[in-house]
PDB file of all heavy atoms in Angstrom:
ATOM      1  N   PHE A   1       5.050  -5.538  -9.746  1.00  0.00           N
ATOM      2  CA  PHE A   1       4.252  -4.495  -9.133  1.00  0.00           C
ATOM      3  C   PHE A   1       3.719  -3.495 -10.088  1.00  0.00           C
ATOM      4  O   PHE A   1       2.786  -2.712  -9.688  1.00  0.00           O
ATOM      5  CB  PHE A   1       4.928  -3.825  -7.919  1.00  0.00           C
ATOM      6  CG  PHE A   1       5.254  -4.837  -6.790  1.00  0.00           C
ATOM      7  CD1 PHE A   1       6.614  -5.204  -6.555  1.00  0.00           C
ATOM      8  CD2 PHE A   1       4.331  -5.143  -5.987  1.00  0.00           C
ATOM      9  CE1 PHE A   1       6.799  -6.000  -5.441  1.00  0.00           C
ATOM     10  CE2 PHE A   1       4.474  -6.047  -4.887  1.00  0.00           C
ATOM     11  CZ  PHE A   1       5.823  -6.456  -4.720  1.00  0.00           C
ATOM     12  N   ASP A   2       4.353  -3.333 -11.311  1.00  0.00           N
ATOM     13  CA  ASP A   2       3.944  -2.259 -12.124  1.00  0.00           C
ATOM     14  C   ASP A   2       2.437  -2.222 -12.457  1.00  0.00           C
ATOM     15  O   ASP A   2       1.925  -1.142 -12.435  1.00  0.00           O
ATOM     16  CB  ASP A   2       4.769  -2.416 -13.450  1.00  0.00           C
ATOM     17  CG  ASP A   2       6.206  -1.866 -13.268  1.00  0.00           C
ATOM     18  OD1 ASP A   2       6.646  -1.889 -12.137  1.00  0.00           O
ATOM     19  OD2 ASP A   2       6.917  -1.620 -14.298  1.00  0.00           O
ATOM     20  N   GLY A   3       1.808  -3.435 -12.874  1.00  0.00           N
ATOM     21  CA  GLY A   3       0.462  -3.262 -13.087  1.00  0.00           C
ATOM     22  C   GLY A   3      -0.399  -2.912 -11.937  1.00  0.00           C
ATOM     23  O   GLY A   3      -1.404  -2.144 -12.076  1.00  0.00           O
ATOM     24  N   ILE A   4      -0.045  -3.412 -10.763  1.00  0.00           N
ATOM     25  CA  ILE A   4      -0.797  -3.046  -9.528  1.00  0.00           C
ATOM     26  C   ILE A   4      -0.677  -1.583  -9.239  1.00  0.00           C
ATOM     27  O   ILE A   4      -1.685  -0.934  -9.005  1.00  0.00           O
ATOM     28  CB  ILE A   4      -0.235  -3.858  -8.305  1.00  0.00           C
ATOM     29  CG1 ILE A   4      -0.494  -5.313  -8.540  1.00  0.00           C
ATOM     30  CG2 ILE A   4      -0.956  -3.380  -7.107  1.00  0.00           C
ATOM     31  CD1 ILE A   4       0.188  -6.198  -7.536  1.00  0.00           C
ATOM     32  N   ILE A   5       0.591  -1.042  -9.402  1.00  0.00           N
ATOM     33  CA  ILE A   5       0.814   0.383  -9.180  1.00  0.00           C
ATOM     34  C   ILE A   5       0.019   1.188 -10.157  1.00  0.00           C
ATOM     35  O   ILE A   5      -0.616   2.240  -9.666  1.00  0.00           O
ATOM     36  CB  ILE A   5       2.321   0.621  -9.263  1.00  0.00           C
ATOM     37  CG1 ILE A   5       3.092   0.054  -8.108  1.00  0.00           C
ATOM     38  CG2 ILE A   5       2.552   2.143  -9.310  1.00  0.00           C
ATOM     39  CD1 ILE A   5       4.531  -0.011  -8.240  1.00  0.00           C
ATOM     40  N   LYS A   6      -0.008   0.852 -11.353  1.00  0.00           N
ATOM     41  CA  LYS A   6      -0.771   1.650 -12.371  1.00  0.00           C
ATOM     42  C   LYS A   6      -2.236   1.746 -12.016  1.00  0.00           C
ATOM     43  O   LYS A   6      -2.938   2.747 -12.084  1.00  0.00           O
ATOM     44  CB  LYS A   6      -0.612   1.026 -13.772  1.00  0.00           C
ATOM     45  CG  LYS A   6       0.799   1.265 -14.371  1.00  0.00           C
ATOM     46  CD  LYS A   6       1.032   0.553 -15.602  1.00  0.00           C
ATOM     47  CE  LYS A   6       2.501   0.655 -16.199  1.00  0.00           C
ATOM     48  NZ  LYS A   6       2.675  -0.113 -17.301  1.00  0.00           N
ATOM     49  N   LYS A   7      -2.781   0.591 -11.627  1.00  0.00           N
ATOM     50  CA  LYS A   7      -4.195   0.555 -11.303  1.00  0.00           C
ATOM     51  C   LYS A   7      -4.489   1.343  -9.996  1.00  0.00           C
ATOM     52  O   LYS A   7      -5.549   2.106  -9.983  1.00  0.00           O
ATOM     53  CB  LYS A   7      -4.686  -0.879 -11.124  1.00  0.00           C
ATOM     54  CG  LYS A   7      -4.717  -1.622 -12.359  1.00  0.00           C
ATOM     55  CD  LYS A   7      -5.275  -3.098 -12.050  1.00  0.00           C
ATOM     56  CE  LYS A   7      -5.163  -3.986 -13.348  1.00  0.00           C
ATOM     57  NZ  LYS A   7      -6.012  -3.458 -14.369  1.00  0.00           N
ATOM     58  N   ILE A   8      -3.656   1.384  -9.020  1.00  0.00           N
ATOM     59  CA  ILE A   8      -3.818   2.122  -7.861  1.00  0.00           C
ATOM     60  C   ILE A   8      -3.763   3.654  -8.210  1.00  0.00           C
ATOM     61  O   ILE A   8      -4.485   4.414  -7.690  1.00  0.00           O
ATOM     62  CB  ILE A   8      -2.749   1.778  -6.695  1.00  0.00           C
ATOM     63  CG1 ILE A   8      -3.097   0.256  -6.273  1.00  0.00           C
ATOM     64  CG2 ILE A   8      -2.906   2.657  -5.531  1.00  0.00           C
ATOM     65  CD1 ILE A   8      -2.026  -0.181  -5.283  1.00  0.00           C
ATOM     66  N   LEU A   9      -2.720   3.987  -9.065  1.00  0.00           N
ATOM     67  CA  LEU A   9      -2.611   5.304  -9.351  1.00  0.00           C
ATOM     68  C   LEU A   9      -3.860   5.949  -9.999  1.00  0.00           C
ATOM     69  O   LEU A   9      -4.269   7.108  -9.739  1.00  0.00           O
ATOM     70  CB  LEU A   9      -1.374   5.503 -10.305  1.00  0.00           C
ATOM     71  CG  LEU A   9      -0.012   5.581  -9.774  1.00  0.00           C
ATOM     72  CD1 LEU A   9       0.975   5.364 -10.842  1.00  0.00           C
ATOM     73  CD2 LEU A   9       0.234   6.857  -8.898  1.00  0.00           C
ATOM     74  N   VAL A  10      -4.472   5.174 -10.925  1.00  0.00           N
ATOM     75  CA  VAL A  10      -5.748   5.506 -11.561  1.00  0.00           C
ATOM     76  C   VAL A  10      -6.796   5.646 -10.567  1.00  0.00           C
ATOM     77  O   VAL A  10      -7.633   6.633 -10.492  1.00  0.00           O
ATOM     78  CB  VAL A  10      -6.009   4.577 -12.770  1.00  0.00           C
ATOM     79  CG1 VAL A  10      -7.468   5.058 -13.326  1.00  0.00           C
ATOM     80  CG2 VAL A  10      -5.037   4.743 -13.820  1.00  0.00           C
ATOM     81  N   TRP A  11      -6.905   4.658  -9.670  1.00  0.00           N
ATOM     82  CA  TRP A  11      -8.057   4.628  -8.766  1.00  0.00           C
ATOM     83  C   TRP A  11      -8.013   5.805  -7.747  1.00  0.00           C
ATOM     84  O   TRP A  11      -9.012   6.402  -7.426  1.00  0.00           O
ATOM     85  CB  TRP A  11      -7.902   3.308  -7.948  1.00  0.00           C
ATOM     86  CG  TRP A  11      -9.041   3.129  -6.921  1.00  0.00           C
ATOM     87  CD1 TRP A  11     -10.308   3.030  -7.089  1.00  0.00           C
ATOM     88  CD2 TRP A  11      -8.857   3.301  -5.506  1.00  0.00           C
ATOM     89  NE1 TRP A  11     -11.033   2.907  -5.779  1.00  0.00           N
ATOM     90  CE2 TRP A  11     -10.022   3.135  -4.847  1.00  0.00           C
ATOM     91  CE3 TRP A  11      -7.692   3.642  -4.755  1.00  0.00           C
ATOM     92  CZ2 TRP A  11     -10.250   3.331  -3.522  1.00  0.00           C
ATOM     93  CZ3 TRP A  11      -7.844   3.637  -3.306  1.00  0.00           C
ATOM     94  CH2 TRP A  11      -9.120   3.480  -2.698  1.00  0.00           C
ATOM     95  N   VAL A  12      -6.736   6.076  -7.216  1.00  0.00           N
ATOM     96  CA  VAL A  12      -6.605   7.255  -6.241  1.00  0.00           C
ATOM     97  C   VAL A  12      -6.631   8.545  -6.889  1.00  0.00           C
ATOM     98  O   VAL A  12      -6.867   9.502  -6.260  1.00  0.00           O
ATOM     99  CB  VAL A  12      -5.398   7.088  -5.353  1.00  0.00           C
ATOM    100  CG1 VAL A  12      -5.431   5.766  -4.573  1.00  0.00           C
ATOM    101  CG2 VAL A  12      -4.132   7.235  -6.168  1.00  0.00           C
ATOM    102  N   LYS A  13      -6.460   8.525  -8.278  1.00  0.00           N
ATOM    103  CA  LYS A  13      -6.566   9.805  -8.952  1.00  0.00           C
ATOM    104  C   LYS A  13      -5.564  10.778  -8.498  1.00  0.00           C
ATOM    105  O   LYS A  13      -5.853  11.960  -8.578  1.00  0.00           O
ATOM    106  CB  LYS A  13      -7.955  10.359  -8.995  1.00  0.00           C
ATOM    107  CG  LYS A  13      -9.016   9.493  -9.600  1.00  0.00           C
ATOM    108  CD  LYS A  13     -10.349  10.067  -9.669  1.00  0.00           C
ATOM    109  CE  LYS A  13     -11.440   9.156 -10.103  1.00  0.00           C
ATOM    110  NZ  LYS A  13     -11.199   8.537 -11.356  1.00  0.00           N
ATOM    111  N   GLY A  14      -4.425  10.294  -8.055  1.00  0.00           N
ATOM    112  CA  GLY A  14      -3.366  11.151  -7.624  1.00  0.00           C
ATOM    113  C   GLY A  14      -3.637  11.958  -6.358  1.00  0.00           C
ATOM    114  O   GLY A  14      -3.026  13.023  -6.040  1.00  0.00           O
ATOM    115  N   ASP A  15      -4.728  11.550  -5.646  1.00  0.00           N
ATOM    116  CA  ASP A  15      -5.204  12.335  -4.416  1.00  0.00           C
ATOM    117  C   ASP A  15      -4.184  11.851  -3.242  1.00  0.00           C
ATOM    118  O   ASP A  15      -4.285  10.650  -2.814  1.00  0.00           O
ATOM    119  CB  ASP A  15      -6.623  11.966  -4.173  1.00  0.00           C
ATOM    120  CG  ASP A  15      -7.106  12.770  -2.964  1.00  0.00           C
ATOM    121  OD1 ASP A  15      -6.372  13.498  -2.220  1.00  0.00           O
ATOM    122  OD2 ASP A  15      -8.419  12.778  -2.704  1.00  0.00           O
ATOM    123  N   PRO A  16      -3.493  12.686  -2.685  1.00  0.00           N
ATOM    124  CA  PRO A  16      -2.637  12.331  -1.420  1.00  0.00           C
ATOM    125  C   PRO A  16      -3.398  11.717  -0.349  1.00  0.00           C
ATOM    126  O   PRO A  16      -2.853  10.953   0.446  1.00  0.00           O
ATOM    127  CB  PRO A  16      -2.007  13.658  -1.173  1.00  0.00           C
ATOM    128  CG  PRO A  16      -1.881  14.431  -2.404  1.00  0.00           C
ATOM    129  CD  PRO A  16      -3.193  14.163  -3.014  1.00  0.00           C
ATOM    130  N   VAL A  17      -4.631  12.191  -0.076  1.00  0.00           N
ATOM    131  CA  VAL A  17      -5.441  11.673   1.030  1.00  0.00           C
ATOM    132  C   VAL A  17      -5.698  10.192   0.768  1.00  0.00           C
ATOM    133  O   VAL A  17      -5.504   9.336   1.625  1.00  0.00           O
ATOM    134  CB  VAL A  17      -6.791  12.428   1.184  1.00  0.00           C
ATOM    135  CG1 VAL A  17      -7.656  11.861   2.234  1.00  0.00           C
ATOM    136  CG2 VAL A  17      -6.539  13.913   1.573  1.00  0.00           C
ATOM    137  N   LYS A  18      -6.139   9.940  -0.465  1.00  0.00           N
ATOM    138  CA  LYS A  18      -6.474   8.389  -0.807  1.00  0.00           C
ATOM    139  C   LYS A  18      -5.271   7.696  -0.652  1.00  0.00           C
ATOM    140  O   LYS A  18      -5.371   6.493  -0.202  1.00  0.00           O
ATOM    141  CB  LYS A  18      -7.184   8.366  -2.095  1.00  0.00           C
ATOM    142  CG  LYS A  18      -8.564   8.881  -2.160  1.00  0.00           C
ATOM    143  CD  LYS A  18      -9.181   8.677  -3.560  1.00  0.00           C
ATOM    144  CE  LYS A  18     -10.575   9.210  -3.623  1.00  0.00           C
ATOM    145  NZ  LYS A  18     -11.180   9.040  -4.969  1.00  0.00           N
ATOM    146  N   ILE A  19      -4.151   8.110  -1.190  1.00  0.00           N
ATOM    147  CA  ILE A  19      -2.963   7.393  -1.141  1.00  0.00           C
ATOM    148  C   ILE A  19      -2.444   7.048   0.363  1.00  0.00           C
ATOM    149  O   ILE A  19      -2.072   6.090   0.690  1.00  0.00           O
ATOM    150  CB  ILE A  19      -1.825   8.173  -1.832  1.00  0.00           C
ATOM    151  CG1 ILE A  19      -2.159   8.310  -3.357  1.00  0.00           C
ATOM    152  CG2 ILE A  19      -0.421   7.489  -1.668  1.00  0.00           C
ATOM    153  CD1 ILE A  19      -1.276   9.134  -4.142  1.00  0.00           C
ATOM    154  N   CYS A  20      -2.426   8.164   1.209  1.00  0.00           N
ATOM    155  CA  CYS A  20      -2.043   7.938   2.522  1.00  0.00           C
ATOM    156  C   CYS A  20      -2.992   6.932   3.296  1.00  0.00           C
ATOM    157  O   CYS A  20      -2.509   6.081   4.077  1.00  0.00           O
ATOM    158  CB  CYS A  20      -2.021   9.305   3.235  1.00  0.00           C
ATOM    159  SG  CYS A  20      -0.696  10.325   2.777  1.00  0.00           S
ATOM    160  N   VAL A  21      -4.236   7.122   3.110  1.00  0.00           N
ATOM    161  CA  VAL A  21      -5.238   6.246   3.805  1.00  0.00           C
ATOM    162  C   VAL A  21      -5.089   4.775   3.205  1.00  0.00           C
ATOM    163  O   VAL A  21      -5.036   3.816   4.053  1.00  0.00           O
ATOM    164  CB  VAL A  21      -6.679   6.724   3.681  1.00  0.00           C
ATOM    165  CG1 VAL A  21      -7.673   5.628   4.169  1.00  0.00           C
ATOM    166  CG2 VAL A  21      -6.915   7.961   4.340  1.00  0.00           C
ATOM    167  N   GLY A  22      -4.860   4.731   1.969  1.00  0.00           N
ATOM    168  CA  GLY A  22      -4.635   3.352   1.384  1.00  0.00           C
ATOM    169  C   GLY A  22      -3.342   2.735   1.857  1.00  0.00           C
ATOM    170  O   GLY A  22      -3.224   1.507   2.054  1.00  0.00           O
ATOM    171  N   THR A  23      -2.261   3.662   2.115  1.00  0.00           N
ATOM    172  CA  THR A  23      -1.119   3.056   2.685  1.00  0.00           C
ATOM    173  C   THR A  23      -1.394   2.464   4.037  1.00  0.00           C
ATOM    174  O   THR A  23      -0.877   1.290   4.366  1.00  0.00           O
ATOM    175  CB  THR A  23      -0.083   4.136   2.891  1.00  0.00           C
ATOM    176  OG1 THR A  23       0.268   4.786   1.580  1.00  0.00           O
ATOM    177  CG2 THR A  23       1.230   3.742   3.540  1.00  0.00           C
ATOM    178  N   ALA A  24      -2.135   3.086   4.892  1.00  0.00           N
ATOM    179  CA  ALA A  24      -2.516   2.650   6.283  1.00  0.00           C
ATOM    180  C   ALA A  24      -3.404   1.251   6.112  1.00  0.00           C
ATOM    181  O   ALA A  24      -3.058   0.340   6.829  1.00  0.00           O
ATOM    182  CB  ALA A  24      -3.312   3.580   6.961  1.00  0.00           C
ATOM    183  N   ALA A  25      -4.213   1.185   5.143  1.00  0.00           N
ATOM    184  CA  ALA A  25      -5.041   0.093   4.867  1.00  0.00           C
ATOM    185  C   ALA A  25      -4.120  -1.275   4.566  1.00  0.00           C
ATOM    186  O   ALA A  25      -4.247  -2.281   5.062  1.00  0.00           O
ATOM    187  CB  ALA A  25      -6.090   0.254   3.825  1.00  0.00           C
ATOM    188  N   LEU A  26      -3.097  -0.996   3.594  1.00  0.00           N
ATOM    189  CA  LEU A  26      -2.300  -2.003   3.166  1.00  0.00           C
ATOM    190  C   LEU A  26      -1.337  -2.418   4.399  1.00  0.00           C
ATOM    191  O   LEU A  26      -1.183  -3.650   4.638  1.00  0.00           O
ATOM    192  CB  LEU A  26      -1.401  -1.527   2.012  1.00  0.00           C
ATOM    193  CG  LEU A  26      -0.359  -2.629   1.474  1.00  0.00           C
ATOM    194  CD1 LEU A  26      -1.220  -3.863   0.909  1.00  0.00           C
ATOM    195  CD2 LEU A  26       0.487  -2.029   0.428  1.00  0.00           C
ATOM    196  N   ALA A  27      -0.943  -1.509   5.071  1.00  0.00           N
ATOM    197  CA  ALA A  27      -0.069  -1.772   6.338  1.00  0.00           C
ATOM    198  C   ALA A  27      -0.777  -2.698   7.291  1.00  0.00           C
ATOM    199  O   ALA A  27      -0.252  -3.600   7.917  1.00  0.00           O
ATOM    200  CB  ALA A  27       0.479  -0.527   6.908  1.00  0.00           C
ATOM    201  N   THR A  28      -2.089  -2.398   7.511  1.00  0.00           N
ATOM    202  CA  THR A  28      -2.869  -3.195   8.447  1.00  0.00           C
ATOM    203  C   THR A  28      -3.014  -4.603   7.938  1.00  0.00           C
ATOM    204  O   THR A  28      -2.918  -5.445   8.724  1.00  0.00           O
ATOM    205  CB  THR A  28      -4.390  -2.529   8.445  1.00  0.00           C
ATOM    206  OG1 THR A  28      -4.232  -1.228   8.872  1.00  0.00           O
ATOM    207  CG2 THR A  28      -5.172  -3.263   9.475  1.00  0.00           C
ATOM    208  N   CYS A  29      -3.244  -4.810   6.649  1.00  0.00           N
ATOM    209  CA  CYS A  29      -3.392  -6.154   6.141  1.00  0.00           C
ATOM    210  C   CYS A  29      -2.084  -6.951   6.221  1.00  0.00           C
ATOM    211  O   CYS A  29      -2.177  -8.045   6.696  1.00  0.00           O
ATOM    212  CB  CYS A  29      -3.799  -6.162   4.679  1.00  0.00           C
ATOM    213  SG  CYS A  29      -5.533  -5.396   4.528  1.00  0.00           S
ATOM    214  N   ILE A  30      -0.947  -6.308   5.813  1.00  0.00           N
ATOM    215  CA  ILE A  30       0.189  -7.036   5.742  1.00  0.00           C
ATOM    216  C   ILE A  30       0.828  -7.314   7.137  1.00  0.00           C
ATOM    217  O   ILE A  30       1.487  -8.271   7.422  1.00  0.00           O
ATOM    218  CB  ILE A  30       1.269  -6.240   4.872  1.00  0.00           C
ATOM    219  CG1 ILE A  30       0.700  -5.928   3.486  1.00  0.00           C
ATOM    220  CG2 ILE A  30       2.558  -6.934   4.814  1.00  0.00           C
ATOM    221  CD1 ILE A  30       0.424  -7.229   2.711  1.00  0.00           C
ATOM    222  N   SER A  31       0.503  -6.278   8.085  1.00  0.00           N
ATOM    223  CA  SER A  31       0.952  -6.498   9.464  1.00  0.00           C
ATOM    224  C   SER A  31       0.308  -7.637  10.166  1.00  0.00           C
ATOM    225  O   SER A  31       0.775  -8.046  11.320  1.00  0.00           O
ATOM    226  CB  SER A  31       0.781  -5.198  10.190  1.00  0.00           C
ATOM    227  OG  SER A  31       1.434  -4.166   9.733  1.00  0.00           O
ATOM    228  N   LEU A  32      -0.719  -8.211   9.597  1.00  0.00           N
ATOM    229  CA  LEU A  32      -1.272  -9.473  10.273  1.00  0.00           C
ATOM    230  C   LEU A  32      -0.347 -10.593  10.394  1.00  0.00           C
ATOM    231  O   LEU A  32      -0.641 -11.442  11.203  1.00  0.00           O
ATOM    232  CB  LEU A  32      -2.644  -9.802   9.464  1.00  0.00           C
ATOM    233  CG  LEU A  32      -3.824  -8.902   9.471  1.00  0.00           C
ATOM    234  CD1 LEU A  32      -4.884  -9.353   8.505  1.00  0.00           C
ATOM    235  CD2 LEU A  32      -4.357  -8.963  11.005  1.00  0.00           C
ATOM    236  N   ASP A  33       0.668 -10.645   9.672  1.00  0.00           N
ATOM    237  CA  ASP A  33       1.712 -11.733   9.809  1.00  0.00           C
ATOM    238  C   ASP A  33       2.554 -11.564  10.980  1.00  0.00           C
ATOM    239  O   ASP A  33       3.217 -12.531  11.407  1.00  0.00           O
ATOM    240  CB  ASP A  33       2.475 -11.990   8.564  1.00  0.00           C
ATOM    241  CG  ASP A  33       3.644 -10.948   8.350  1.00  0.00           C
ATOM    242  OD1 ASP A  33       3.429  -9.871   8.988  1.00  0.00           O
ATOM    243  OD2 ASP A  33       4.580 -11.274   7.572  1.00  0.00           O
ATOM    244  N   GLY A  34       2.416 -10.300  11.687  1.00  0.00           N
ATOM    245  CA  GLY A  34       3.246 -10.105  12.880  1.00  0.00           C
ATOM    246  C   GLY A  34       4.750  -9.893  12.691  1.00  0.00           C
ATOM    247  O   GLY A  34       5.497  -9.636  13.590  1.00  0.00           O
ATOM    248  N   ASP A  35       5.192  -9.755  11.383  1.00  0.00           N
ATOM    249  CA  ASP A  35       6.479  -9.577  11.114  1.00  0.00           C
ATOM    250  C   ASP A  35       6.722  -8.227  10.508  1.00  0.00           C
ATOM    251  O   ASP A  35       6.226  -7.844   9.454  1.00  0.00           O
ATOM    252  CB  ASP A  35       7.026 -10.636  10.203  1.00  0.00           C
ATOM    253  CG  ASP A  35       8.510 -10.448   9.773  1.00  0.00           C
ATOM    254  OD1 ASP A  35       9.378 -10.091  10.813  1.00  0.00           O
ATOM    255  OD2 ASP A  35       8.944 -10.597   8.615  1.00  0.00           O
ATOM    256  N   GLY A  36       7.409  -7.265  11.227  1.00  0.00           N
ATOM    257  CA  GLY A  36       7.626  -5.986  10.642  1.00  0.00           C
ATOM    258  C   GLY A  36       8.390  -5.836   9.444  1.00  0.00           C
ATOM    259  O   GLY A  36       8.121  -5.120   8.519  1.00  0.00           O
ATOM    260  N   SER A  37       9.378  -6.685   9.276  1.00  0.00           N
ATOM    261  CA  SER A  37      10.246  -6.673   8.084  1.00  0.00           C
ATOM    262  C   SER A  37       9.471  -6.938   6.943  1.00  0.00           C
ATOM    263  O   SER A  37       9.589  -6.189   5.910  1.00  0.00           O
ATOM    264  CB  SER A  37      11.336  -7.760   8.305  1.00  0.00           C
ATOM    265  OG  SER A  37      12.181  -7.383   9.371  1.00  0.00           O
ATOM    266  N   THR A  38       8.599  -7.945   6.933  1.00  0.00           N
ATOM    267  CA  THR A  38       7.681  -8.238   5.770  1.00  0.00           C
ATOM    268  C   THR A  38       6.872  -7.138   5.464  1.00  0.00           C
ATOM    269  O   THR A  38       6.718  -6.748   4.222  1.00  0.00           O
ATOM    270  CB  THR A  38       6.916  -9.591   6.124  1.00  0.00           C
ATOM    271  OG1 THR A  38       7.732 -10.664   6.302  1.00  0.00           O
ATOM    272  CG2 THR A  38       5.998  -9.873   4.936  1.00  0.00           C
ATOM    273  N   THR A  39       6.181  -6.505   6.529  1.00  0.00           N
ATOM    274  CA  THR A  39       5.337  -5.368   6.312  1.00  0.00           C
ATOM    275  C   THR A  39       6.104  -4.228   5.432  1.00  0.00           C
ATOM    276  O   THR A  39       5.552  -3.664   4.643  1.00  0.00           O
ATOM    277  CB  THR A  39       4.838  -4.866   7.603  1.00  0.00           C
ATOM    278  OG1 THR A  39       4.053  -5.919   8.163  1.00  0.00           O
ATOM    279  CG2 THR A  39       3.825  -3.560   7.390  1.00  0.00           C
ATOM    280  N   TYR A  40       7.351  -3.909   6.055  1.00  0.00           N
ATOM    281  CA  TYR A  40       8.042  -2.853   5.445  1.00  0.00           C
ATOM    282  C   TYR A  40       8.453  -3.074   3.918  1.00  0.00           C
ATOM    283  O   TYR A  40       8.422  -2.231   3.125  1.00  0.00           O
ATOM    284  CB  TYR A  40       9.353  -2.636   6.236  1.00  0.00           C
ATOM    285  CG  TYR A  40       9.098  -2.148   7.686  1.00  0.00           C
ATOM    286  CD1 TYR A  40      10.020  -2.375   8.681  1.00  0.00           C
ATOM    287  CD2 TYR A  40       7.841  -1.677   8.115  1.00  0.00           C
ATOM    288  CE1 TYR A  40       9.731  -2.085  10.008  1.00  0.00           C
ATOM    289  CE2 TYR A  40       7.620  -1.310   9.377  1.00  0.00           C
ATOM    290  CZ  TYR A  40       8.609  -1.601  10.392  1.00  0.00           C
ATOM    291  OH  TYR A  40       8.342  -1.161  11.654  1.00  0.00           O
ATOM    292  N   LEU A  41       8.885  -4.348   3.808  1.00  0.00           N
ATOM    293  CA  LEU A  41       9.243  -4.732   2.416  1.00  0.00           C
ATOM    294  C   LEU A  41       8.047  -4.675   1.442  1.00  0.00           C
ATOM    295  O   LEU A  41       8.246  -4.101   0.278  1.00  0.00           O
ATOM    296  CB  LEU A  41       9.781  -6.198   2.397  1.00  0.00           C
ATOM    297  CG  LEU A  41      11.294  -6.355   3.021  1.00  0.00           C
ATOM    298  CD1 LEU A  41      11.531  -7.821   3.413  1.00  0.00           C
ATOM    299  CD2 LEU A  41      12.274  -5.768   1.875  1.00  0.00           C
ATOM    300  N   VAL A  42       7.020  -5.255   1.829  1.00  0.00           N
ATOM    301  CA  VAL A  42       5.785  -5.345   0.831  1.00  0.00           C
ATOM    302  C   VAL A  42       5.306  -3.884   0.641  1.00  0.00           C
ATOM    303  O   VAL A  42       4.986  -3.564  -0.476  1.00  0.00           O
ATOM    304  CB  VAL A  42       4.703  -6.301   1.311  1.00  0.00           C
ATOM    305  CG1 VAL A  42       3.385  -6.127   0.583  1.00  0.00           C
ATOM    306  CG2 VAL A  42       5.266  -7.668   1.569  1.00  0.00           C
ATOM    307  N   CYS A  43       4.992  -3.158   1.780  1.00  0.00           N
ATOM    308  CA  CYS A  43       4.376  -1.855   1.641  1.00  0.00           C
ATOM    309  C   CYS A  43       5.253  -0.860   0.836  1.00  0.00           C
ATOM    310  O   CYS A  43       4.819  -0.119   0.050  1.00  0.00           O
ATOM    311  CB  CYS A  43       4.142  -1.369   2.965  1.00  0.00           C
ATOM    312  SG  CYS A  43       2.705  -2.160   3.844  1.00  0.00           S
ATOM    313  N   THR A  44       6.511  -0.831   1.143  1.00  0.00           N
ATOM    314  CA  THR A  44       7.467  -0.041   0.430  1.00  0.00           C
ATOM    315  C   THR A  44       7.570  -0.399  -0.992  1.00  0.00           C
ATOM    316  O   THR A  44       7.507   0.524  -1.920  1.00  0.00           O
ATOM    317  CB  THR A  44       8.913   0.080   1.142  1.00  0.00           C
ATOM    318  OG1 THR A  44       8.761   0.442   2.528  1.00  0.00           O
ATOM    319  CG2 THR A  44       9.763   1.003   0.429  1.00  0.00           C
ATOM    320  N   SER A  45       7.789  -1.667  -1.267  1.00  0.00           N
ATOM    321  CA  SER A  45       7.893  -2.113  -2.659  1.00  0.00           C
ATOM    322  C   SER A  45       6.632  -1.668  -3.536  1.00  0.00           C
ATOM    323  O   SER A  45       6.737  -1.295  -4.664  1.00  0.00           O
ATOM    324  CB  SER A  45       8.129  -3.571  -2.745  1.00  0.00           C
ATOM    325  OG  SER A  45       9.200  -3.926  -2.101  1.00  0.00           O
TER     326      SER A  45
END
């Protein structure tokens, strides 16, 4: 995840608004599998 995290950090420019909205966007995509545990694991990681 390190490379992904670094790119996201640069993209959001450390803006809490973009980070929080991005969190919601990722949760929406991952939640499509219908399994809460998977969503929590992927989004948190």
